């Protein structure tokens, strides 16, 4: 059975949505993701614009401005909820890791 769309997020999806806490253009996201992850995560322009379109269709983001080919976006409440669910999932995974390996929190 295929996985439901957006059941979980890839790192790229997570960071794109995280960037959109504040209104920004697609080109801004291409700069912000590597900056916030110390170049650990990069998003190509094709991937970015494909995901932005999917996020728009899903109601996770909305367009705020259109200036020629430049478009700006911002996270919707539905997008915030998806981002929070993903954050909670990641935290639960980290807790499972600590439980299995017996590591203290914060180490």
PDB file of N, CA and C in Angstrom:
ATOM      1  N   UNK A   1       0.840  -1.172   0.000  1.00  0.00           N
ATOM      2  CA  UNK A   1       0.000   0.000   0.000  1.00  0.00           C
ATOM      3  C   UNK A   1       0.892   1.245   0.000  1.00  0.00           C
ATOM      4  N   UNK A   2       0.635   2.222  -0.880  1.00  0.00           N
ATOM      5  CA  UNK A   2       1.475   3.409  -0.924  1.00  0.00           C
ATOM      6  C   UNK A   2       1.288   4.265   0.329  1.00  0.00           C
ATOM      7  N   UNK A   3       2.339   4.941   0.693  1.00  0.00           N
ATOM      8  CA  UNK A   3       2.324   5.823   1.859  1.00  0.00           C
ATOM      9  C   UNK A   3       1.460   7.051   1.550  1.00  0.00           C
ATOM     10  N   UNK A   4       0.686   7.484   2.523  1.00  0.00           N
ATOM     11  CA  UNK A   4      -0.147   8.675   2.346  1.00  0.00           C
ATOM     12  C   UNK A   4       0.748   9.899   2.173  1.00  0.00           C
ATOM     13  N   UNK A   5       0.358  10.777   1.274  1.00  0.00           N
ATOM     14  CA  UNK A   5       1.135  11.978   1.009  1.00  0.00           C
ATOM     15  C   UNK A   5       1.188  12.855   2.261  1.00  0.00           C
ATOM     16  N   UNK A   6       2.371  13.320   2.588  1.00  0.00           N
ATOM     17  CA  UNK A   6       2.628  14.198   3.728  1.00  0.00           C
ATOM     18  C   UNK A   6       2.352  13.542   5.074  1.00  0.00           C
ATOM     19  N   UNK A   7       2.324  12.212   5.120  1.00  0.00           N
ATOM     20  CA  UNK A   7       2.192  11.522   6.416  1.00  0.00           C
ATOM     21  C   UNK A   7       3.407  11.855   7.272  1.00  0.00           C
ATOM     22  N   UNK A   8       4.557  11.865   6.633  1.00  0.00           N
ATOM     23  CA  UNK A   8       5.796  12.340   7.247  1.00  0.00           C
ATOM     24  C   UNK A   8       6.454  13.282   6.241  1.00  0.00           C
ATOM     25  N   UNK A   9       7.396  14.075   6.711  1.00  0.00           N
ATOM     26  CA  UNK A   9       8.080  15.032   5.846  1.00  0.00           C
ATOM     27  C   UNK A   9       9.534  14.641   5.674  1.00  0.00           C
ATOM     28  N   UNK A  10      10.072  14.908   4.499  1.00  0.00           N
ATOM     29  CA  UNK A  10      11.516  14.767   4.303  1.00  0.00           C
ATOM     30  C   UNK A  10      12.186  15.964   4.983  1.00  0.00           C
ATOM     31  N   UNK A  11      13.486  15.909   5.132  1.00  0.00           N
ATOM     32  CA  UNK A  11      14.203  17.052   5.711  1.00  0.00           C
ATOM     33  C   UNK A  11      13.961  18.310   4.888  1.00  0.00           C
ATOM     34  N   UNK A  12      14.007  18.172   3.576  1.00  0.00           N
ATOM     35  CA  UNK A  12      13.798  19.337   2.717  1.00  0.00           C
ATOM     36  C   UNK A  12      12.414  19.935   2.934  1.00  0.00           C
ATOM     37  N   UNK A  13      11.391  19.084   2.996  1.00  0.00           N
ATOM     38  CA  UNK A  13      10.031  19.572   3.241  1.00  0.00           C
ATOM     39  C   UNK A  13       9.946  20.300   4.583  1.00  0.00           C
ATOM     40  N   UNK A  14      10.522  19.691   5.602  1.00  0.00           N
ATOM     41  CA  UNK A  14      10.490  20.263   6.952  1.00  0.00           C
ATOM     42  C   UNK A  14      11.094  21.662   6.958  1.00  0.00           C
ATOM     43  N   UNK A  15      12.273  21.801   6.359  1.00  0.00           N
ATOM     44  CA  UNK A  15      12.961  23.087   6.402  1.00  0.00           C
ATOM     45  C   UNK A  15      12.311  24.138   5.510  1.00  0.00           C
ATOM     46  N   UNK A  16      11.706  23.731   4.409  1.00  0.00           N
ATOM     47  CA  UNK A  16      10.966  24.685   3.578  1.00  0.00           C
ATOM     48  C   UNK A  16       9.810  25.264   4.393  1.00  0.00           C
ATOM     49  N   UNK A  17       9.042  24.394   5.029  1.00  0.00           N
ATOM     50  CA  UNK A  17       7.922  24.875   5.845  1.00  0.00           C
ATOM     51  C   UNK A  17       8.418  25.728   7.014  1.00  0.00           C
ATOM     52  N   UNK A  18       9.524  25.329   7.616  1.00  0.00           N
ATOM     53  CA  UNK A  18      10.094  26.097   8.723  1.00  0.00           C
ATOM     54  C   UNK A  18      10.453  27.512   8.263  1.00  0.00           C
ATOM     55  N   UNK A  19      11.022  27.638   7.082  1.00  0.00           N
ATOM     56  CA  UNK A  19      11.363  28.957   6.533  1.00  0.00           C
ATOM     57  C   UNK A  19      10.129  29.831   6.376  1.00  0.00           C
ATOM     58  N   UNK A  20       9.005  29.201   6.087  1.00  0.00           N
ATOM     59  CA  UNK A  20       7.794  29.956   5.776  1.00  0.00           C
ATOM     60  C   UNK A  20       7.008  30.381   7.015  1.00  0.00           C
ATOM     61  N   UNK A  21       7.627  30.277   8.181  1.00  0.00           N
ATOM     62  CA  UNK A  21       7.032  30.888   9.378  1.00  0.00           C
ATOM     63  C   UNK A  21       6.888  32.381   9.117  1.00  0.00           C
ATOM     64  N   UNK A  22       7.839  32.917   8.362  1.00  0.00           N
ATOM     65  CA  UNK A  22       7.807  34.309   7.925  1.00  0.00           C
ATOM     66  C   UNK A  22       7.651  34.330   6.412  1.00  0.00           C
ATOM     67  N   UNK A  23       6.987  35.331   5.920  1.00  0.00           N
ATOM     68  CA  UNK A  23       6.785  35.462   4.477  1.00  0.00           C
ATOM     69  C   UNK A  23       8.135  35.557   3.767  1.00  0.00           C
ATOM     70  N   UNK A  24       8.272  34.785   2.699  1.00  0.00           N
ATOM     71  CA  UNK A  24       9.485  34.913   1.900  1.00  0.00           C
ATOM     72  C   UNK A  24       9.270  34.376   0.488  1.00  0.00           C
ATOM     73  N   UNK A  25      10.183  34.750  -0.382  1.00  0.00           N
ATOM     74  CA  UNK A  25      10.187  34.300  -1.770  1.00  0.00           C
ATOM     75  C   UNK A  25      10.893  32.963  -1.876  1.00  0.00           C
ATOM     76  N   UNK A  26      10.647  32.259  -2.962  1.00  0.00           N
ATOM     77  CA  UNK A  26      11.313  30.988  -3.197  1.00  0.00           C
ATOM     78  C   UNK A  26      12.830  31.108  -3.145  1.00  0.00           C
ATOM     79  N   UNK A  27      13.356  32.158  -3.761  1.00  0.00           N
ATOM     80  CA  UNK A  27      14.816  32.344  -3.764  1.00  0.00           C
ATOM     81  C   UNK A  27      15.350  32.529  -2.341  1.00  0.00           C
ATOM     82  N   UNK A  28      14.554  33.156  -1.474  1.00  0.00           N
ATOM     83  CA  UNK A  28      14.968  33.306  -0.075  1.00  0.00           C
ATOM     84  C   UNK A  28      15.124  31.942   0.585  1.00  0.00           C
ATOM     85  N   UNK A  29      14.190  31.037   0.292  1.00  0.00           N
ATOM     86  CA  UNK A  29      14.227  29.695   0.883  1.00  0.00           C
ATOM     87  C   UNK A  29      15.485  28.965   0.452  1.00  0.00           C
ATOM     88  N   UNK A  30      15.860  29.117  -0.830  1.00  0.00           N
ATOM     89  CA  UNK A  30      17.077  28.457  -1.332  1.00  0.00           C
ATOM     90  C   UNK A  30      18.309  28.901  -0.547  1.00  0.00           C
ATOM     91  N   UNK A  31      18.297  30.129  -0.045  1.00  0.00           N
ATOM     92  CA  UNK A  31      19.417  30.640   0.765  1.00  0.00           C
ATOM     93  C   UNK A  31      19.278  30.271   2.235  1.00  0.00           C
ATOM     94  N   UNK A  32      18.060  30.309   2.744  1.00  0.00           N
ATOM     95  CA  UNK A  32      17.834  30.115   4.182  1.00  0.00           C
ATOM     96  C   UNK A  32      18.044  28.681   4.650  1.00  0.00           C
ATOM     97  N   UNK A  33      17.626  27.708   3.863  1.00  0.00           N
ATOM     98  CA  UNK A  33      17.747  26.310   4.315  1.00  0.00           C
ATOM     99  C   UNK A  33      19.198  25.940   4.577  1.00  0.00           C
ATOM    100  N   UNK A  34      20.120  26.153   3.637  1.00  0.00           N
ATOM    101  CA  UNK A  34      21.522  25.812   3.952  1.00  0.00           C
ATOM    102  C   UNK A  34      22.078  26.631   5.119  1.00  0.00           C
ATOM    103  N   UNK A  35      21.661  27.895   5.224  1.00  0.00           N
ATOM    104  CA  UNK A  35      22.157  28.739   6.317  1.00  0.00           C
ATOM    105  C   UNK A  35      21.693  28.211   7.666  1.00  0.00           C
ATOM    106  N   UNK A  36      20.435  27.807   7.784  1.00  0.00           N
ATOM    107  CA  UNK A  36      19.925  27.353   9.080  1.00  0.00           C
ATOM    108  C   UNK A  36      20.404  25.951   9.433  1.00  0.00           C
ATOM    109  N   UNK A  37      20.885  25.197   8.447  1.00  0.00           N
ATOM    110  CA  UNK A  37      21.351  23.831   8.722  1.00  0.00           C
ATOM    111  C   UNK A  37      22.868  23.694   8.593  1.00  0.00           C
ATOM    112  N   UNK A  38      23.564  24.817   8.549  1.00  0.00           N
ATOM    113  CA  UNK A  38      25.023  24.810   8.369  1.00  0.00           C
ATOM    114  C   UNK A  38      25.419  23.957   7.162  1.00  0.00           C
ATOM    115  N   UNK A  39      24.688  24.126   6.066  1.00  0.00           N
ATOM    116  CA  UNK A  39      24.909  23.443   4.776  1.00  0.00           C
ATOM    117  C   UNK A  39      24.661  21.941   4.819  1.00  0.00           C
ATOM    118  N   UNK A  40      24.047  21.431   5.887  1.00  0.00           N
ATOM    119  CA  UNK A  40      23.735  20.009   5.962  1.00  0.00           C
ATOM    120  C   UNK A  40      22.594  19.649   5.017  1.00  0.00           C
ATOM    121  N   UNK A  41      21.643  20.575   4.836  1.00  0.00           N
ATOM    122  CA  UNK A  41      20.497  20.334   3.964  1.00  0.00           C
ATOM    123  C   UNK A  41      20.483  21.398   2.882  1.00  0.00           C
ATOM    124  N   UNK A  42      20.330  20.951   1.658  1.00  0.00           N
ATOM    125  CA  UNK A  42      20.217  21.859   0.516  1.00  0.00           C
ATOM    126  C   UNK A  42      18.956  21.488  -0.251  1.00  0.00           C
ATOM    127  N   UNK A  43      18.377  22.478  -0.884  1.00  0.00           N
ATOM    128  CA  UNK A  43      17.184  22.259  -1.694  1.00  0.00           C
ATOM    129  C   UNK A  43      17.468  22.809  -3.085  1.00  0.00           C
ATOM    130  N   UNK A  44      17.304  21.983  -4.097  1.00  0.00           N
ATOM    131  CA  UNK A  44      17.458  22.448  -5.468  1.00  0.00           C
ATOM    132  C   UNK A  44      16.228  23.232  -5.895  1.00  0.00           C
ATOM    133  N   UNK A  45      16.388  24.096  -6.878  1.00  0.00           N
ATOM    134  CA  UNK A  45      15.269  24.943  -7.280  1.00  0.00           C
ATOM    135  C   UNK A  45      14.108  24.122  -7.851  1.00  0.00           C
ATOM    136  N   UNK A  46      14.393  23.071  -8.607  1.00  0.00           N
ATOM    137  CA  UNK A  46      13.317  22.228  -9.139  1.00  0.00           C
ATOM    138  C   UNK A  46      12.519  21.572  -8.026  1.00  0.00           C
ATOM    139  N   UNK A  47      13.233  21.039  -7.031  1.00  0.00           N
ATOM    140  CA  UNK A  47      12.582  20.418  -5.878  1.00  0.00           C
ATOM    141  C   UNK A  47      11.765  21.449  -5.114  1.00  0.00           C
ATOM    142  N   UNK A  48      12.356  22.616  -4.889  1.00  0.00           N
ATOM    143  CA  UNK A  48      11.674  23.662  -4.128  1.00  0.00           C
ATOM    144  C   UNK A  48      10.340  24.038  -4.777  1.00  0.00           C
ATOM    145  N   UNK A  49      10.372  24.362  -6.056  1.00  0.00           N
ATOM    146  CA  UNK A  49       9.147  24.858  -6.687  1.00  0.00           C
ATOM    147  C   UNK A  49       8.108  23.761  -6.845  1.00  0.00           C
ATOM    148  N   UNK A  50       8.549  22.527  -7.010  1.00  0.00           N
ATOM    149  CA  UNK A  50       7.615  21.394  -7.031  1.00  0.00           C
ATOM    150  C   UNK A  50       6.941  21.260  -5.670  1.00  0.00           C
ATOM    151  N   UNK A  51       7.721  21.326  -4.592  1.00  0.00           N
ATOM    152  CA  UNK A  51       7.159  21.204  -3.244  1.00  0.00           C
ATOM    153  C   UNK A  51       6.272  22.389  -2.885  1.00  0.00           C
ATOM    154  N   UNK A  52       6.657  23.591  -3.282  1.00  0.00           N
ATOM    155  CA  UNK A  52       5.814  24.755  -3.014  1.00  0.00           C
ATOM    156  C   UNK A  52       4.436  24.573  -3.653  1.00  0.00           C
ATOM    157  N   UNK A  53       4.413  24.063  -4.872  1.00  0.00           N
ATOM    158  CA  UNK A  53       3.141  23.823  -5.555  1.00  0.00           C
ATOM    159  C   UNK A  53       2.312  22.773  -4.809  1.00  0.00           C
ATOM    160  N   UNK A  54       2.975  21.705  -4.365  1.00  0.00           N
ATOM    161  CA  UNK A  54       2.270  20.670  -3.598  1.00  0.00           C
ATOM    162  C   UNK A  54       1.758  21.208  -2.258  1.00  0.00           C
ATOM    163  N   UNK A  55       2.573  22.031  -1.599  1.00  0.00           N
ATOM    164  CA  UNK A  55       2.157  22.622  -0.326  1.00  0.00           C
ATOM    165  C   UNK A  55       0.974  23.574  -0.525  1.00  0.00           C
ATOM    166  N   UNK A  56       0.988  24.331  -1.620  1.00  0.00           N
ATOM    167  CA  UNK A  56      -0.150  25.205  -1.936  1.00  0.00           C
ATOM    168  C   UNK A  56      -1.414  24.373  -2.113  1.00  0.00           C
ATOM    169  N   UNK A  57      -1.312  23.308  -2.923  1.00  0.00           N
ATOM    170  CA  UNK A  57      -2.467  22.443  -3.188  1.00  0.00           C
ATOM    171  C   UNK A  57      -3.007  21.799  -1.913  1.00  0.00           C
ATOM    172  N   UNK A  58      -2.104  21.468  -0.980  1.00  0.00           N
ATOM    173  CA  UNK A  58      -2.502  20.823   0.273  1.00  0.00           C
ATOM    174  C   UNK A  58      -2.998  21.832   1.313  1.00  0.00           C
ATOM    175  N   UNK A  59      -2.814  23.121   1.052  1.00  0.00           N
ATOM    176  CA  UNK A  59      -3.251  24.147   1.997  1.00  0.00           C
ATOM    177  C   UNK A  59      -2.278  24.407   3.130  1.00  0.00           C
ATOM    178  N   UNK A  60      -1.015  23.953   2.995  1.00  0.00           N
ATOM    179  CA  UNK A  60      -0.009  24.169   4.035  1.00  0.00           C
ATOM    180  C   UNK A  60       0.582  25.570   3.974  1.00  0.00           C
ATOM    181  N   UNK A  61       0.570  26.161   2.783  1.00  0.00           N
ATOM    182  CA  UNK A  61       1.084  27.513   2.590  1.00  0.00           C
ATOM    183  C   UNK A  61       0.099  28.273   1.717  1.00  0.00           C
ATOM    184  N   UNK A  62       0.278  29.590   1.673  1.00  0.00           N
ATOM    185  CA  UNK A  62      -0.508  30.396   0.743  1.00  0.00           C
ATOM    186  C   UNK A  62       0.401  31.456   0.132  1.00  0.00           C
ATOM    187  N   UNK A  63       0.054  31.865  -1.078  1.00  0.00           N
ATOM    188  CA  UNK A  63       0.789  32.943  -1.720  1.00  0.00           C
ATOM    189  C   UNK A  63       0.369  34.262  -1.083  1.00  0.00           C
ATOM    190  N   UNK A  64       1.343  35.129  -0.886  1.00  0.00           N
ATOM    191  CA  UNK A  64       1.042  36.429  -0.308  1.00  0.00           C
ATOM    192  C   UNK A  64       1.247  37.557  -1.307  1.00  0.00           C
ATOM    193  N   UNK A  65       2.166  37.377  -2.239  1.00  0.00           N
ATOM    194  CA  UNK A  65       2.446  38.399  -3.257  1.00  0.00           C
ATOM    195  C   UNK A  65       2.861  37.728  -4.555  1.00  0.00           C
ATOM    196  N   UNK A  66       2.491  38.351  -5.645  1.00  0.00           N
ATOM    197  CA  UNK A  66       2.976  37.937  -6.954  1.00  0.00           C
ATOM    198  C   UNK A  66       3.500  39.193  -7.633  1.00  0.00           C
ATOM    199  N   UNK A  67       4.781  39.188  -7.921  1.00  0.00           N
ATOM    200  CA  UNK A  67       5.438  40.320  -8.589  1.00  0.00           C
ATOM    201  C   UNK A  67       6.153  39.774  -9.813  1.00  0.00           C
ATOM    202  N   UNK A  68       5.458  39.736 -10.929  1.00  0.00           N
ATOM    203  CA  UNK A  68       6.027  39.116 -12.126  1.00  0.00           C
ATOM    204  C   UNK A  68       6.168  37.623 -11.885  1.00  0.00           C
ATOM    205  N   UNK A  69       7.392  37.126 -12.008  1.00  0.00           N
ATOM    206  CA  UNK A  69       7.634  35.694 -11.751  1.00  0.00           C
ATOM    207  C   UNK A  69       7.931  35.421 -10.281  1.00  0.00           C
ATOM    208  N   UNK A  70       8.166  36.465  -9.518  1.00  0.00           N
ATOM    209  CA  UNK A  70       8.470  36.294  -8.082  1.00  0.00           C
ATOM    210  C   UNK A  70       7.183  36.149  -7.299  1.00  0.00           C
ATOM    211  N   UNK A  71       7.161  35.122  -6.466  1.00  0.00           N
ATOM    212  CA  UNK A  71       6.003  34.884  -5.610  1.00  0.00           C
ATOM    213  C   UNK A  71       6.496  34.700  -4.186  1.00  0.00           C
ATOM    214  N   UNK A  72       5.745  35.246  -3.255  1.00  0.00           N
ATOM    215  CA  UNK A  72       6.100  35.025  -1.855  1.00  0.00           C
ATOM    216  C   UNK A  72       5.012  34.189  -1.205  1.00  0.00           C
ATOM    217  N   UNK A  73       5.426  33.483  -0.161  1.00  0.00           N
ATOM    218  CA  UNK A  73       4.563  32.509   0.502  1.00  0.00           C
ATOM    219  C   UNK A  73       4.670  32.665   2.006  1.00  0.00           C
ATOM    220  N   UNK A  74       3.662  32.118   2.684  1.00  0.00           N
ATOM    221  CA  UNK A  74       3.700  32.062   4.154  1.00  0.00           C
ATOM    222  C   UNK A  74       2.955  30.807   4.600  1.00  0.00           C
ATOM    223  N   UNK A  75       3.333  30.308   5.744  1.00  0.00           N
ATOM    224  CA  UNK A  75       2.733  29.115   6.333  1.00  0.00           C
ATOM    225  C   UNK A  75       1.293  29.398   6.763  1.00  0.00           C
ATOM    226  N   UNK A  76       0.400  28.463   6.527  1.00  0.00           N
ATOM    227  CA  UNK A  76      -0.980  28.567   7.020  1.00  0.00           C
ATOM    228  C   UNK A  76      -1.077  27.840   8.355  1.00  0.00           C
ATOM    229  N   UNK A  77      -2.214  27.940   9.009  1.00  0.00           N
ATOM    230  CA  UNK A  77      -2.431  27.214  10.261  1.00  0.00           C
ATOM    231  C   UNK A  77      -2.310  25.709  10.025  1.00  0.00           C
ATOM    232  N   UNK A  78      -2.848  25.241   8.912  1.00  0.00           N
ATOM    233  CA  UNK A  78      -2.746  23.818   8.561  1.00  0.00           C
ATOM    234  C   UNK A  78      -1.276  23.417   8.394  1.00  0.00           C
ATOM    235  N   UNK A  79      -0.478  24.293   7.797  1.00  0.00           N
ATOM    236  CA  UNK A  79       0.953  24.036   7.646  1.00  0.00           C
ATOM    237  C   UNK A  79       1.672  24.001   8.978  1.00  0.00           C
ATOM    238  N   UNK A  80       1.295  24.913   9.873  1.00  0.00           N
ATOM    239  CA  UNK A  80       1.882  24.918  11.226  1.00  0.00           C
ATOM    240  C   UNK A  80       1.570  23.614  11.953  1.00  0.00           C
ATOM    241  N   UNK A  81       0.338  23.151  11.808  1.00  0.00           N
ATOM    242  CA  UNK A  81      -0.050  21.896  12.459  1.00  0.00           C
ATOM    243  C   UNK A  81       0.748  20.718  11.898  1.00  0.00           C
ATOM    244  N   UNK A  82       0.960  20.689  10.587  1.00  0.00           N
ATOM    245  CA  UNK A  82       1.749  19.613   9.971  1.00  0.00           C
ATOM    246  C   UNK A  82       3.187  19.673  10.465  1.00  0.00           C
ATOM    247  N   UNK A  83       3.745  20.863  10.519  1.00  0.00           N
ATOM    248  CA  UNK A  83       5.117  21.034  10.987  1.00  0.00           C
ATOM    249  C   UNK A  83       5.253  20.597  12.445  1.00  0.00           C
ATOM    250  N   UNK A  84       4.273  20.927  13.273  1.00  0.00           N
ATOM    251  CA  UNK A  84       4.288  20.527  14.683  1.00  0.00           C
ATOM    252  C   UNK A  84       4.175  19.015  14.832  1.00  0.00           C
ATOM    253  N   UNK A  85       3.322  18.380  14.024  1.00  0.00           N
ATOM    254  CA  UNK A  85       3.218  16.909  14.067  1.00  0.00           C
ATOM    255  C   UNK A  85       4.551  16.265  13.699  1.00  0.00           C
ATOM    256  N   UNK A  86       5.214  16.812  12.692  1.00  0.00           N
ATOM    257  CA  UNK A  86       6.515  16.265  12.289  1.00  0.00           C
ATOM    258  C   UNK A  86       7.549  16.484  13.381  1.00  0.00           C
ATOM    259  N   UNK A  87       7.550  17.642  14.000  1.00  0.00           N
ATOM    260  CA  UNK A  87       8.462  17.926  15.107  1.00  0.00           C
ATOM    261  C   UNK A  87       8.237  16.928  16.244  1.00  0.00           C
ATOM    262  N   UNK A  88       6.975  16.713  16.606  1.00  0.00           N
ATOM    263  CA  UNK A  88       6.644  15.767  17.671  1.00  0.00           C
ATOM    264  C   UNK A  88       7.113  14.350  17.316  1.00  0.00           C
ATOM    265  N   UNK A  89       6.988  13.975  16.048  1.00  0.00           N
ATOM    266  CA  UNK A  89       7.430  12.655  15.589  1.00  0.00           C
ATOM    267  C   UNK A  89       8.950  12.520  15.734  1.00  0.00           C
ATOM    268  N   UNK A  90       9.673  13.565  15.362  1.00  0.00           N
ATOM    269  CA  UNK A  90      11.136  13.547  15.464  1.00  0.00           C
ATOM    270  C   UNK A  90      11.566  13.457  16.929  1.00  0.00           C
ATOM    271  N   UNK A  91      10.894  14.198  17.798  1.00  0.00           N
ATOM    272  CA  UNK A  91      11.199  14.162  19.234  1.00  0.00           C
ATOM    273  C   UNK A  91      10.946  12.751  19.785  1.00  0.00           C
ATOM    274  N   UNK A  92       9.849  12.124  19.356  1.00  0.00           N
ATOM    275  CA  UNK A  92       9.534  10.760  19.811  1.00  0.00           C
ATOM    276  C   UNK A  92      10.613   9.784  19.345  1.00  0.00           C
ATOM    277  N   UNK A  93      11.111   9.965  18.129  1.00  0.00           N
ATOM    278  CA  UNK A  93      12.189   9.095  17.645  1.00  0.00           C
ATOM    279  C   UNK A  93      13.444   9.271  18.495  1.00  0.00           C
ATOM    280  N   UNK A  94      13.769  10.512  18.833  1.00  0.00           N
ATOM    281  CA  UNK A  94      14.947  10.766  19.657  1.00  0.00           C
ATOM    282  C   UNK A  94      14.772  10.141  21.045  1.00  0.00           C
ATOM    283  N   UNK A  95      13.557  10.207  21.586  1.00  0.00           N
ATOM    284  CA  UNK A  95      13.289   9.602  22.897  1.00  0.00           C
ATOM    285  C   UNK A  95      13.442   8.081  22.825  1.00  0.00           C
ATOM    286  N   UNK A  96      12.978   7.487  21.729  1.00  0.00           N
ATOM    287  CA  UNK A  96      13.142   6.039  21.543  1.00  0.00           C
ATOM    288  C   UNK A  96      14.621   5.670  21.489  1.00  0.00           C
ATOM    289  N   UNK A  97      15.406   6.452  20.798  1.00  0.00           N
ATOM    290  CA  UNK A  97      16.845   6.216  20.701  1.00  0.00           C
ATOM    291  C   UNK A  97      17.479   6.251  22.094  1.00  0.00           C
ATOM    292  N   UNK A  98      17.137   7.304  22.859  1.00  0.00           N
ATOM    293  CA  UNK A  98      17.693   7.429  24.217  1.00  0.00           C
ATOM    294  C   UNK A  98      17.273   6.254  25.092  1.00  0.00           C
ATOM    295  N   UNK A  99      16.038   5.799  24.945  1.00  0.00           N
ATOM    296  CA  UNK A  99      15.543   4.671  25.722  1.00  0.00           C
ATOM    297  C   UNK A  99      16.327   3.393  25.403  1.00  0.00           C
ATOM    298  N   UNK A 100      16.513   3.143  24.129  1.00  0.00           N
ATOM    299  CA  UNK A 100      17.203   1.919  23.699  1.00  0.00           C
ATOM    300  C   UNK A 100      18.677   1.945  24.087  1.00  0.00           C
ATOM    301  N   UNK A 101      19.329   3.088  23.907  1.00  0.00           N
ATOM    302  CA  UNK A 101      20.756   3.170  24.184  1.00  0.00           C
ATOM    303  C   UNK A 101      21.066   3.656  25.603  1.00  0.00           C
ATOM    304  N   UNK A 102      20.027   3.942  26.394  1.00  0.00           N
ATOM    305  CA  UNK A 102      20.222   4.324  27.785  1.00  0.00           C
ATOM    306  C   UNK A 102      20.930   5.634  27.984  1.00  0.00           C
ATOM    307  N   UNK A 103      20.782   6.527  27.048  1.00  0.00           N
ATOM    308  CA  UNK A 103      21.458   7.815  27.155  1.00  0.00           C
ATOM    309  C   UNK A 103      20.573   8.822  27.863  1.00  0.00           C
ATOM    310  N   UNK A 104      21.204   9.696  28.618  1.00  0.00           N
ATOM    311  CA  UNK A 104      20.489  10.757  29.322  1.00  0.00           C
ATOM    312  C   UNK A 104      20.055  11.827  28.322  1.00  0.00           C
ATOM    313  N   UNK A 105      18.945  12.492  28.630  1.00  0.00           N
ATOM    314  CA  UNK A 105      18.533  13.603  27.786  1.00  0.00           C
ATOM    315  C   UNK A 105      19.580  14.697  27.859  1.00  0.00           C
ATOM    316  N   UNK A 106      19.746  15.379  26.739  1.00  0.00           N
ATOM    317  CA  UNK A 106      20.657  16.513  26.691  1.00  0.00           C
ATOM    318  C   UNK A 106      22.104  16.145  26.464  1.00  0.00           C
ATOM    319  N   UNK A 107      22.423  14.891  26.352  1.00  0.00           N
ATOM    320  CA  UNK A 107      23.826  14.515  26.096  1.00  0.00           C
ATOM    321  C   UNK A 107      24.094  14.411  24.627  1.00  0.00           C
TER     322      UNK A 107
END
